[in-house]
């Protein structure tokens, strides 16, 4: 929790204390502590045990969740892929795969795959195209 988030939470708790009886706050704090120290570790242990006992199902759930995440938020995959390839926010990076491709292409034609990737790397309209392709490939 960041400092400002903690401060906001403390302000909210202070405001709530004005309206909530003291014994209710004590009971809620006690239950929250019990939940965090007993129930969360139990649930985590049960999840780990289930994963060990059912590795195939676990792999399927992980793959399905990853696929769903890519369909729902393709930028999670496309942004790092573009950056690693050399299509950055300021254009094609020197010495990257993208720079090598651009030097072999010569003049980049508007609307070409390369120009779309350049646009996507800088956050332009090409990003929607690239994210759409990621979504279609995974779906």
C-alpha atoms as a PDB file:
ATOM      1  CA  UNK A   1       0.000   0.000   0.000  1.00  0.00           C
ATOM      2  CA  UNK A   2       1.470   3.376  -0.969  1.00  0.00           C
ATOM      3  CA  UNK A   3       1.818   6.224   1.512  1.00  0.00           C
ATOM      4  CA  UNK A   4      -1.020   8.231  -0.024  1.00  0.00           C
ATOM      5  CA  UNK A   5      -3.306   5.180  -0.188  1.00  0.00           C
ATOM      6  CA  UNK A   6      -2.579   4.379   3.449  1.00  0.00           C
ATOM      7  CA  UNK A   7      -3.210   7.992   4.419  1.00  0.00           C
ATOM      8  CA  UNK A   8      -6.543   7.966   2.539  1.00  0.00           C
ATOM      9  CA  UNK A   9      -7.519   4.710   4.266  1.00  0.00           C
ATOM     10  CA  UNK A  10      -6.651   6.143   7.674  1.00  0.00           C
ATOM     11  CA  UNK A  11      -8.696   9.277   6.980  1.00  0.00           C
ATOM     12  CA  UNK A  12     -11.636   7.074   5.967  1.00  0.00           C
ATOM     13  CA  UNK A  13     -11.285   4.984   9.123  1.00  0.00           C
ATOM     14  CA  UNK A  14     -11.138   8.119  11.256  1.00  0.00           C
ATOM     15  CA  UNK A  15     -14.300   9.441   9.588  1.00  0.00           C
ATOM     16  CA  UNK A  16     -16.064   6.107  10.054  1.00  0.00           C
ATOM     17  CA  UNK A  17     -15.157   5.998  13.745  1.00  0.00           C
ATOM     18  CA  UNK A  18     -17.251   9.104  14.240  1.00  0.00           C
ATOM     19  CA  UNK A  19     -20.371   7.156  13.203  1.00  0.00           C
ATOM     20  CA  UNK A  20     -19.522   3.568  14.198  1.00  0.00           C
ATOM     21  CA  UNK A  21     -19.563   2.469  17.850  1.00  0.00           C
ATOM     22  CA  UNK A  22     -16.137   1.605  19.250  1.00  0.00           C
ATOM     23  CA  UNK A  23     -17.006  -2.046  20.003  1.00  0.00           C
ATOM     24  CA  UNK A  24     -18.024  -2.590  16.350  1.00  0.00           C
ATOM     25  CA  UNK A  25     -14.646  -1.274  15.174  1.00  0.00           C
ATOM     26  CA  UNK A  26     -12.836  -3.604  17.601  1.00  0.00           C
ATOM     27  CA  UNK A  27     -14.847  -6.642  16.443  1.00  0.00           C
ATOM     28  CA  UNK A  28     -14.309  -5.778  12.749  1.00  0.00           C
ATOM     29  CA  UNK A  29     -10.559  -5.332  13.280  1.00  0.00           C
ATOM     30  CA  UNK A  30     -10.368  -8.657  15.117  1.00  0.00           C
ATOM     31  CA  UNK A  31     -12.264 -10.465  12.339  1.00  0.00           C
ATOM     32  CA  UNK A  32     -10.070  -8.874   9.674  1.00  0.00           C
ATOM     33  CA  UNK A  33      -6.950 -10.032  11.529  1.00  0.00           C
ATOM     34  CA  UNK A  34      -8.311 -13.576  11.854  1.00  0.00           C
ATOM     35  CA  UNK A  35      -9.206 -13.647   8.169  1.00  0.00           C
ATOM     36  CA  UNK A  36      -5.768 -12.409   7.103  1.00  0.00           C
ATOM     37  CA  UNK A  37      -3.789 -14.693   9.409  1.00  0.00           C
ATOM     38  CA  UNK A  38      -5.886 -17.882   9.245  1.00  0.00           C
ATOM     39  CA  UNK A  39      -8.273 -17.994   6.288  1.00  0.00           C
ATOM     40  CA  UNK A  40      -6.019 -16.558   3.564  1.00  0.00           C
ATOM     41  CA  UNK A  41      -3.163 -19.016   4.285  1.00  0.00           C
ATOM     42  CA  UNK A  42      -5.684 -21.914   4.354  1.00  0.00           C
ATOM     43  CA  UNK A  43      -7.104 -20.900   0.985  1.00  0.00           C
ATOM     44  CA  UNK A  44      -3.632 -20.471  -0.510  1.00  0.00           C
ATOM     45  CA  UNK A  45      -2.634 -23.914   0.769  1.00  0.00           C
ATOM     46  CA  UNK A  46      -5.775 -25.484  -0.697  1.00  0.00           C
ATOM     47  CA  UNK A  47      -5.057 -23.872  -4.075  1.00  0.00           C
ATOM     48  CA  UNK A  48      -1.459 -25.142  -4.079  1.00  0.00           C
ATOM     49  CA  UNK A  49      -2.571 -28.660  -3.091  1.00  0.00           C
ATOM     50  CA  UNK A  50      -5.231 -28.702  -5.783  1.00  0.00           C
ATOM     51  CA  UNK A  51      -2.678 -27.584  -8.379  1.00  0.00           C
ATOM     52  CA  UNK A  52      -0.298 -30.381  -7.321  1.00  0.00           C
ATOM     53  CA  UNK A  53      -3.053 -33.011  -7.458  1.00  0.00           C
ATOM     54  CA  UNK A  54      -4.458 -31.810 -10.802  1.00  0.00           C
ATOM     55  CA  UNK A  55      -1.562 -30.520 -12.930  1.00  0.00           C
ATOM     56  CA  UNK A  56      -3.440 -30.950 -16.218  1.00  0.00           C
ATOM     57  CA  UNK A  57      -6.463 -28.999 -15.036  1.00  0.00           C
ATOM     58  CA  UNK A  58      -4.196 -26.358 -13.530  1.00  0.00           C
ATOM     59  CA  UNK A  59      -2.361 -25.927 -16.832  1.00  0.00           C
ATOM     60  CA  UNK A  60      -5.700 -25.650 -18.633  1.00  0.00           C
ATOM     61  CA  UNK A  61      -6.934 -22.976 -16.233  1.00  0.00           C
ATOM     62  CA  UNK A  62      -3.678 -21.026 -16.593  1.00  0.00           C
ATOM     63  CA  UNK A  63      -3.801 -21.211 -20.398  1.00  0.00           C
ATOM     64  CA  UNK A  64      -7.475 -20.251 -20.517  1.00  0.00           C
ATOM     65  CA  UNK A  65      -6.932 -17.346 -18.126  1.00  0.00           C
ATOM     66  CA  UNK A  66      -3.924 -16.135 -20.101  1.00  0.00           C
ATOM     67  CA  UNK A  67      -5.864 -16.381 -23.350  1.00  0.00           C
ATOM     68  CA  UNK A  68      -8.791 -14.506 -21.854  1.00  0.00           C
ATOM     69  CA  UNK A  69      -6.448 -11.806 -20.550  1.00  0.00           C
ATOM     70  CA  UNK A  70      -4.919 -11.379 -24.002  1.00  0.00           C
ATOM     71  CA  UNK A  71      -8.347 -11.134 -25.615  1.00  0.00           C
ATOM     72  CA  UNK A  72      -9.574  -8.715 -22.947  1.00  0.00           C
ATOM     73  CA  UNK A  73      -6.377  -6.659 -22.743  1.00  0.00           C
ATOM     74  CA  UNK A  74      -4.145  -7.422 -25.739  1.00  0.00           C
ATOM     75  CA  UNK A  75      -1.871  -4.474 -24.953  1.00  0.00           C
ATOM     76  CA  UNK A  76      -0.473  -6.566 -22.099  1.00  0.00           C
ATOM     77  CA  UNK A  77       1.247  -8.663 -24.772  1.00  0.00           C
ATOM     78  CA  UNK A  78       1.513  -6.292 -27.731  1.00  0.00           C
ATOM     79  CA  UNK A  79       3.220  -3.377 -25.956  1.00  0.00           C
ATOM     80  CA  UNK A  80       6.194  -5.387 -24.644  1.00  0.00           C
ATOM     81  CA  UNK A  81       6.474  -7.287 -27.930  1.00  0.00           C
ATOM     82  CA  UNK A  82       6.602  -4.053 -29.908  1.00  0.00           C
ATOM     83  CA  UNK A  83       9.156  -2.551 -27.540  1.00  0.00           C
ATOM     84  CA  UNK A  84      11.446  -5.591 -27.596  1.00  0.00           C
ATOM     85  CA  UNK A  85      11.247  -5.636 -31.404  1.00  0.00           C
ATOM     86  CA  UNK A  86      12.358  -2.001 -31.532  1.00  0.00           C
ATOM     87  CA  UNK A  87       9.090  -0.150 -32.125  1.00  0.00           C
ATOM     88  CA  UNK A  88       9.223   2.350 -29.257  1.00  0.00           C
ATOM     89  CA  UNK A  89       7.342   5.462 -28.261  1.00  0.00           C
ATOM     90  CA  UNK A  90       9.853   7.695 -30.071  1.00  0.00           C
ATOM     91  CA  UNK A  91      10.065   5.577 -33.214  1.00  0.00           C
ATOM     92  CA  UNK A  92      12.328   2.758 -34.360  1.00  0.00           C
ATOM     93  CA  UNK A  93      15.193   2.134 -31.942  1.00  0.00           C
ATOM     94  CA  UNK A  94      18.756   2.065 -33.288  1.00  0.00           C
ATOM     95  CA  UNK A  95      20.321  -1.392 -33.513  1.00  0.00           C
ATOM     96  CA  UNK A  96      17.025  -3.238 -33.028  1.00  0.00           C
ATOM     97  CA  UNK A  97      15.276  -5.835 -35.148  1.00  0.00           C
ATOM     98  CA  UNK A  98      12.930  -3.105 -36.360  1.00  0.00           C
ATOM     99  CA  UNK A  99      15.904  -0.956 -37.427  1.00  0.00           C
ATOM    100  CA  UNK A 100      17.370  -3.892 -39.356  1.00  0.00           C
ATOM    101  CA  UNK A 101      14.046  -4.498 -41.094  1.00  0.00           C
ATOM    102  CA  UNK A 102      13.672  -0.814 -41.929  1.00  0.00           C
ATOM    103  CA  UNK A 103      17.142  -0.645 -43.440  1.00  0.00           C
ATOM    104  CA  UNK A 104      16.323  -3.577 -45.723  1.00  0.00           C
ATOM    105  CA  UNK A 105      12.931  -2.099 -46.714  1.00  0.00           C
ATOM    106  CA  UNK A 106      14.207   1.363 -47.559  1.00  0.00           C
ATOM    107  CA  UNK A 107      11.374   3.871 -47.855  1.00  0.00           C
ATOM    108  CA  UNK A 108       8.461   2.756 -45.699  1.00  0.00           C
ATOM    109  CA  UNK A 109       5.142   2.959 -47.518  1.00  0.00           C
ATOM    110  CA  UNK A 110       2.139   4.386 -45.670  1.00  0.00           C
ATOM    111  CA  UNK A 111      -0.314   1.656 -44.712  1.00  0.00           C
ATOM    112  CA  UNK A 112       2.295  -1.116 -44.892  1.00  0.00           C
ATOM    113  CA  UNK A 113       2.775  -3.637 -42.106  1.00  0.00           C
ATOM    114  CA  UNK A 114       5.962  -1.860 -41.037  1.00  0.00           C
ATOM    115  CA  UNK A 115       4.275   1.545 -40.867  1.00  0.00           C
ATOM    116  CA  UNK A 116       1.415   0.017 -38.867  1.00  0.00           C
ATOM    117  CA  UNK A 117       3.917  -1.433 -36.394  1.00  0.00           C
ATOM    118  CA  UNK A 118       5.680   1.951 -36.187  1.00  0.00           C
ATOM    119  CA  UNK A 119       2.347   3.605 -35.463  1.00  0.00           C
ATOM    120  CA  UNK A 120       1.514   0.981 -32.845  1.00  0.00           C
ATOM    121  CA  UNK A 121       4.884   1.448 -31.145  1.00  0.00           C
ATOM    122  CA  UNK A 122       4.269   5.169 -30.783  1.00  0.00           C
ATOM    123  CA  UNK A 123       0.738   4.604 -29.485  1.00  0.00           C
ATOM    124  CA  UNK A 124      -0.954   5.715 -32.691  1.00  0.00           C
ATOM    125  CA  UNK A 125      -3.818   4.228 -34.683  1.00  0.00           C
ATOM    126  CA  UNK A 126      -1.710   1.168 -35.549  1.00  0.00           C
ATOM    127  CA  UNK A 127      -1.984   0.043 -31.941  1.00  0.00           C
ATOM    128  CA  UNK A 128      -5.678  -0.733 -32.409  1.00  0.00           C
ATOM    129  CA  UNK A 129      -4.824  -2.843 -35.458  1.00  0.00           C
ATOM    130  CA  UNK A 130      -2.063  -4.745 -33.650  1.00  0.00           C
ATOM    131  CA  UNK A 131      -4.234  -5.321 -30.565  1.00  0.00           C
ATOM    132  CA  UNK A 132      -7.062  -6.510 -32.805  1.00  0.00           C
ATOM    133  CA  UNK A 133      -4.739  -9.022 -34.469  1.00  0.00           C
ATOM    134  CA  UNK A 134      -3.598 -10.310 -31.057  1.00  0.00           C
ATOM    135  CA  UNK A 135      -7.226 -10.719 -29.967  1.00  0.00           C
ATOM    136  CA  UNK A 136      -8.137 -12.608 -33.160  1.00  0.00           C
ATOM    137  CA  UNK A 137      -5.120 -14.902 -33.015  1.00  0.00           C
ATOM    138  CA  UNK A 138      -5.823 -15.936 -29.429  1.00  0.00           C
ATOM    139  CA  UNK A 139      -9.588 -16.182 -29.841  1.00  0.00           C
END
